[in-house]
């Protein structure tokens, strides 16, 4: 099961090609496939079992922060277009806030 609710609006702003890549990655996660670099990487600075999906197309670099529960539910916490080398603190804070809401 995938919970899109926390970041549905942000995802709608992603280019169609990136949304298609995201759908493919989420289907794999939902089927139990563990993704690794370059598509997914852990984000221990936010919490355990928190990862980010990484996408790139002509218009830029996109990230989706997600939380994978032990029961297999995938909560999408934050989605954004990356504009700097380092992830903006506001996105990390938003992911932490939304994580507290889903727990």
N, C-alpha and C. Protein backbone atom coordinates (compact mmCIF):
# COMPACT_ATOMS: atom_id res chain seq x y z
N UNK A 1 0.84 -1.18 0.00
CA UNK A 1 0.00 0.00 0.00
C UNK A 1 0.89 1.25 0.00
N UNK A 2 0.47 2.25 -0.72
CA UNK A 2 1.23 3.49 -0.84
C UNK A 2 0.35 4.66 -0.39
N UNK A 3 0.86 5.48 0.52
CA UNK A 3 0.15 6.66 1.00
C UNK A 3 0.73 7.89 0.31
N UNK A 4 0.00 8.41 -0.67
CA UNK A 4 0.43 9.58 -1.43
C UNK A 4 -0.01 10.90 -0.78
N UNK A 5 -0.96 10.84 0.14
CA UNK A 5 -1.65 12.02 0.66
C UNK A 5 -0.73 13.15 1.10
N UNK A 6 0.33 12.89 1.86
CA UNK A 6 1.13 14.02 2.35
C UNK A 6 1.74 14.90 1.27
N UNK A 7 2.03 14.35 0.09
CA UNK A 7 2.71 15.18 -0.92
C UNK A 7 2.07 15.09 -2.31
N UNK A 8 0.78 14.81 -2.35
CA UNK A 8 0.10 14.68 -3.65
C UNK A 8 0.24 15.96 -4.49
N UNK A 9 0.09 17.13 -3.87
CA UNK A 9 0.17 18.38 -4.63
C UNK A 9 1.55 18.57 -5.26
N UNK A 10 2.61 18.30 -4.48
CA UNK A 10 3.96 18.45 -5.01
C UNK A 10 4.21 17.50 -6.18
N UNK A 11 3.70 16.27 -6.06
CA UNK A 11 3.90 15.28 -7.12
C UNK A 11 3.21 15.70 -8.41
N UNK A 12 2.07 16.36 -8.29
CA UNK A 12 1.36 16.81 -9.49
C UNK A 12 2.16 17.84 -10.28
N UNK A 13 3.08 18.53 -9.61
CA UNK A 13 3.92 19.54 -10.28
C UNK A 13 5.13 18.92 -10.99
N UNK A 14 5.40 17.64 -10.76
CA UNK A 14 6.53 16.97 -11.41
C UNK A 14 6.21 16.77 -12.90
N UNK A 15 7.24 16.79 -13.75
CA UNK A 15 7.02 16.48 -15.18
C UNK A 15 6.48 15.05 -15.34
N UNK A 16 5.75 14.82 -16.41
CA UNK A 16 5.15 13.52 -16.64
C UNK A 16 6.18 12.39 -16.66
N UNK A 17 7.32 12.61 -17.29
CA UNK A 17 8.36 11.57 -17.37
C UNK A 17 8.86 11.19 -15.98
N UNK A 18 9.01 12.16 -15.10
CA UNK A 18 9.47 11.88 -13.74
C UNK A 18 8.38 11.13 -12.98
N UNK A 19 7.12 11.52 -13.17
CA UNK A 19 6.02 10.81 -12.50
C UNK A 19 5.95 9.35 -12.96
N UNK A 20 6.26 9.10 -14.24
CA UNK A 20 6.28 7.73 -14.74
C UNK A 20 7.40 6.93 -14.09
N UNK A 21 8.58 7.53 -13.97
CA UNK A 21 9.71 6.87 -13.29
C UNK A 21 9.37 6.61 -11.83
N UNK A 22 8.70 7.56 -11.19
CA UNK A 22 8.27 7.40 -9.80
C UNK A 22 7.29 6.24 -9.68
N UNK A 23 6.33 6.16 -10.58
CA UNK A 23 5.35 5.08 -10.54
C UNK A 23 6.04 3.72 -10.67
N UNK A 24 7.04 3.64 -11.53
CA UNK A 24 7.79 2.40 -11.71
C UNK A 24 8.54 2.03 -10.42
N UNK A 25 9.21 3.01 -9.82
CA UNK A 25 9.96 2.75 -8.58
C UNK A 25 9.02 2.34 -7.45
N UNK A 26 7.87 3.01 -7.34
CA UNK A 26 6.92 2.67 -6.28
C UNK A 26 6.31 1.29 -6.48
N UNK A 27 6.09 0.91 -7.74
CA UNK A 27 5.58 -0.44 -8.01
C UNK A 27 6.57 -1.49 -7.55
N UNK A 28 7.85 -1.23 -7.79
CA UNK A 28 8.89 -2.17 -7.33
C UNK A 28 8.93 -2.24 -5.81
N UNK A 29 8.88 -1.07 -5.15
CA UNK A 29 8.88 -1.06 -3.69
C UNK A 29 7.66 -1.79 -3.14
N UNK A 30 6.51 -1.55 -3.74
CA UNK A 30 5.26 -2.18 -3.29
C UNK A 30 5.31 -3.69 -3.48
N UNK A 31 6.07 -4.15 -4.48
CA UNK A 31 6.22 -5.59 -4.73
C UNK A 31 7.28 -6.22 -3.82
N UNK A 32 7.93 -5.39 -2.99
CA UNK A 32 8.91 -5.93 -2.05
C UNK A 32 10.35 -5.85 -2.52
N UNK A 33 10.60 -5.22 -3.67
CA UNK A 33 11.95 -5.07 -4.17
C UNK A 33 12.62 -3.92 -3.41
N UNK A 34 13.79 -4.18 -2.88
CA UNK A 34 14.54 -3.12 -2.19
C UNK A 34 15.39 -2.38 -3.21
N UNK A 35 15.16 -1.09 -3.33
CA UNK A 35 15.89 -0.27 -4.29
C UNK A 35 17.17 0.27 -3.65
N UNK A 36 18.18 0.51 -4.48
CA UNK A 36 19.43 1.06 -3.99
C UNK A 36 19.90 2.16 -4.94
N UNK A 37 21.09 2.68 -4.69
CA UNK A 37 21.65 3.73 -5.54
C UNK A 37 21.72 3.24 -6.98
N UNK A 38 21.48 4.05 -7.94
CA UNK A 38 21.28 5.49 -7.87
C UNK A 38 19.82 5.90 -7.71
N UNK A 39 18.89 4.96 -7.67
CA UNK A 39 17.47 5.30 -7.60
C UNK A 39 17.04 5.68 -6.18
N UNK A 40 17.56 5.00 -5.18
CA UNK A 40 17.13 5.25 -3.81
C UNK A 40 18.34 5.23 -2.88
N UNK A 41 18.30 6.10 -1.88
CA UNK A 41 19.36 6.08 -0.88
C UNK A 41 18.75 6.38 0.49
N UNK A 42 19.33 5.82 1.56
CA UNK A 42 18.80 6.08 2.90
C UNK A 42 19.06 7.52 3.34
N UNK A 43 18.21 8.01 4.22
CA UNK A 43 18.37 9.35 4.79
C UNK A 43 18.33 9.26 6.31
N UNK A 44 19.39 8.74 6.92
CA UNK A 44 19.41 8.56 8.37
C UNK A 44 19.32 9.87 9.14
N UNK A 45 19.60 11.00 8.50
CA UNK A 45 19.50 12.29 9.18
C UNK A 45 18.05 12.61 9.55
N UNK A 46 17.10 11.99 8.84
CA UNK A 46 15.68 12.19 9.15
C UNK A 46 15.19 11.10 10.10
N UNK A 47 15.59 9.86 9.85
CA UNK A 47 15.17 8.76 10.71
C UNK A 47 15.46 7.41 10.07
N UNK A 48 15.25 6.36 10.85
CA UNK A 48 15.46 5.03 10.30
C UNK A 48 14.31 4.67 9.35
N UNK A 49 14.61 3.87 8.35
CA UNK A 49 13.66 3.44 7.32
C UNK A 49 13.15 4.61 6.47
N UNK A 50 13.91 5.74 6.49
CA UNK A 50 13.59 6.88 5.63
C UNK A 50 14.58 6.85 4.47
N UNK A 51 14.05 6.98 3.26
CA UNK A 51 14.87 6.96 2.05
C UNK A 51 14.40 8.06 1.11
N UNK A 52 15.22 8.34 0.11
CA UNK A 52 14.78 9.27 -0.93
C UNK A 52 14.91 8.60 -2.28
N UNK A 53 13.90 8.79 -3.10
CA UNK A 53 13.94 8.35 -4.50
C UNK A 53 14.54 9.51 -5.29
N UNK A 54 15.39 9.17 -6.25
CA UNK A 54 16.15 10.17 -6.99
C UNK A 54 15.85 10.06 -8.49
N UNK A 55 15.41 11.18 -9.07
CA UNK A 55 15.07 11.19 -10.49
C UNK A 55 15.69 12.42 -11.16
N UNK A 56 15.95 12.27 -12.44
CA UNK A 56 16.53 13.37 -13.22
C UNK A 56 15.91 13.34 -14.62
N UNK A 57 15.60 14.53 -15.12
CA UNK A 57 15.22 14.65 -16.53
C UNK A 57 15.76 15.99 -17.03
N UNK A 58 15.40 16.37 -18.24
CA UNK A 58 15.94 17.60 -18.83
C UNK A 58 15.63 18.84 -18.00
N UNK A 59 14.50 18.83 -17.30
CA UNK A 59 14.10 20.03 -16.56
C UNK A 59 14.73 20.13 -15.18
N UNK A 60 15.40 19.07 -14.71
CA UNK A 60 16.05 19.17 -13.42
C UNK A 60 16.15 17.86 -12.67
N UNK A 61 16.45 18.00 -11.37
CA UNK A 61 16.64 16.86 -10.47
C UNK A 61 15.49 16.87 -9.46
N UNK A 62 14.89 15.71 -9.24
CA UNK A 62 13.71 15.60 -8.37
C UNK A 62 13.96 14.56 -7.29
N UNK A 63 13.37 14.81 -6.12
CA UNK A 63 13.51 13.90 -4.99
C UNK A 63 12.15 13.65 -4.36
N UNK A 64 11.96 12.41 -3.88
CA UNK A 64 10.77 12.04 -3.12
C UNK A 64 11.26 11.31 -1.88
N UNK A 65 10.98 11.87 -0.71
CA UNK A 65 11.37 11.26 0.55
C UNK A 65 10.24 10.35 1.00
N UNK A 66 10.59 9.10 1.35
CA UNK A 66 9.55 8.16 1.75
C UNK A 66 9.96 7.37 2.99
N UNK A 67 8.94 6.84 3.66
CA UNK A 67 9.11 6.04 4.87
C UNK A 67 8.49 4.68 4.59
N UNK A 68 9.25 3.64 4.81
CA UNK A 68 8.79 2.27 4.58
C UNK A 68 8.56 1.60 5.92
N UNK A 69 7.30 1.28 6.23
CA UNK A 69 6.99 0.65 7.51
C UNK A 69 7.35 -0.82 7.47
N UNK A 70 7.47 -1.41 8.66
CA UNK A 70 7.75 -2.85 8.73
C UNK A 70 6.61 -3.66 8.13
N UNK A 71 5.41 -3.11 8.13
CA UNK A 71 4.25 -3.78 7.54
C UNK A 71 4.17 -3.63 6.04
N UNK A 72 5.10 -2.90 5.45
CA UNK A 72 5.13 -2.76 3.99
C UNK A 72 4.41 -1.56 3.44
N UNK A 73 3.88 -0.68 4.30
CA UNK A 73 3.23 0.53 3.81
C UNK A 73 4.29 1.57 3.47
N UNK A 74 4.13 2.22 2.32
CA UNK A 74 5.06 3.23 1.86
C UNK A 74 4.38 4.59 2.02
N UNK A 75 4.95 5.45 2.86
CA UNK A 75 4.41 6.79 3.06
C UNK A 75 5.31 7.78 2.33
N UNK A 76 4.77 8.49 1.34
CA UNK A 76 5.53 9.53 0.65
C UNK A 76 5.42 10.79 1.49
N UNK A 77 6.55 11.27 1.99
CA UNK A 77 6.55 12.36 2.96
C UNK A 77 6.79 13.73 2.34
N UNK A 78 7.63 13.80 1.33
CA UNK A 78 8.02 15.09 0.77
C UNK A 78 8.50 14.88 -0.66
N UNK A 79 8.10 15.77 -1.56
CA UNK A 79 8.54 15.69 -2.96
C UNK A 79 8.94 17.09 -3.40
N UNK A 80 10.07 17.20 -4.09
CA UNK A 80 10.54 18.52 -4.47
C UNK A 80 11.53 18.44 -5.64
N UNK A 81 11.67 19.58 -6.30
CA UNK A 81 12.70 19.73 -7.32
C UNK A 81 13.93 20.25 -6.61
N UNK A 82 15.04 19.59 -6.80
CA UNK A 82 16.27 19.96 -6.13
C UNK A 82 16.93 21.11 -6.89
N UNK A 83 17.25 22.19 -6.17
CA UNK A 83 17.82 23.36 -6.83
C UNK A 83 19.23 23.67 -6.36
N UNK A 84 19.70 22.97 -5.32
CA UNK A 84 21.05 23.19 -4.80
C UNK A 84 21.72 21.83 -4.62
N UNK A 85 23.03 21.85 -4.41
CA UNK A 85 23.78 20.61 -4.21
C UNK A 85 23.29 19.87 -2.97
N UNK A 86 23.05 20.61 -1.90
CA UNK A 86 22.61 20.02 -0.64
C UNK A 86 21.09 20.18 -0.53
N UNK A 87 20.42 19.18 0.05
CA UNK A 87 18.98 19.26 0.23
C UNK A 87 18.65 20.39 1.21
N UNK A 88 17.73 21.27 0.81
CA UNK A 88 17.33 22.40 1.66
C UNK A 88 16.78 21.90 2.99
N UNK A 89 17.12 22.59 4.04
CA UNK A 89 16.66 22.23 5.38
C UNK A 89 15.14 22.24 5.47
N UNK A 90 14.48 23.12 4.72
CA UNK A 90 13.01 23.19 4.79
C UNK A 90 12.39 21.88 4.33
N UNK A 91 13.00 21.21 3.35
CA UNK A 91 12.47 19.93 2.89
C UNK A 91 12.71 18.84 3.93
N UNK A 92 13.87 18.87 4.58
CA UNK A 92 14.15 17.89 5.64
C UNK A 92 13.19 18.09 6.81
N UNK A 93 12.95 19.34 7.19
CA UNK A 93 12.02 19.64 8.29
C UNK A 93 10.60 19.20 7.95
N UNK A 94 10.18 19.43 6.71
CA UNK A 94 8.85 19.02 6.28
C UNK A 94 8.71 17.50 6.33
N UNK A 95 9.73 16.79 5.88
CA UNK A 95 9.69 15.32 5.92
C UNK A 95 9.59 14.83 7.37
N UNK A 96 10.35 15.44 8.27
CA UNK A 96 10.29 15.06 9.68
C UNK A 96 8.91 15.32 10.27
N UNK A 97 8.33 16.47 9.93
CA UNK A 97 6.99 16.83 10.42
C UNK A 97 5.96 15.82 9.93
N UNK A 98 6.00 15.51 8.65
CA UNK A 98 5.02 14.58 8.08
C UNK A 98 5.25 13.16 8.60
N UNK A 99 6.49 12.81 8.90
CA UNK A 99 6.77 11.50 9.49
C UNK A 99 6.07 11.39 10.84
N UNK A 100 6.17 12.43 11.66
CA UNK A 100 5.50 12.42 12.97
C UNK A 100 3.98 12.28 12.81
N UNK A 101 3.43 12.85 11.74
CA UNK A 101 1.99 12.77 11.50
C UNK A 101 1.53 11.37 11.11
N UNK A 102 2.36 10.62 10.41
CA UNK A 102 1.95 9.27 9.96
C UNK A 102 2.25 8.19 10.99
N UNK A 103 3.08 8.50 11.97
CA UNK A 103 3.42 7.50 12.99
C UNK A 103 2.34 7.39 14.04
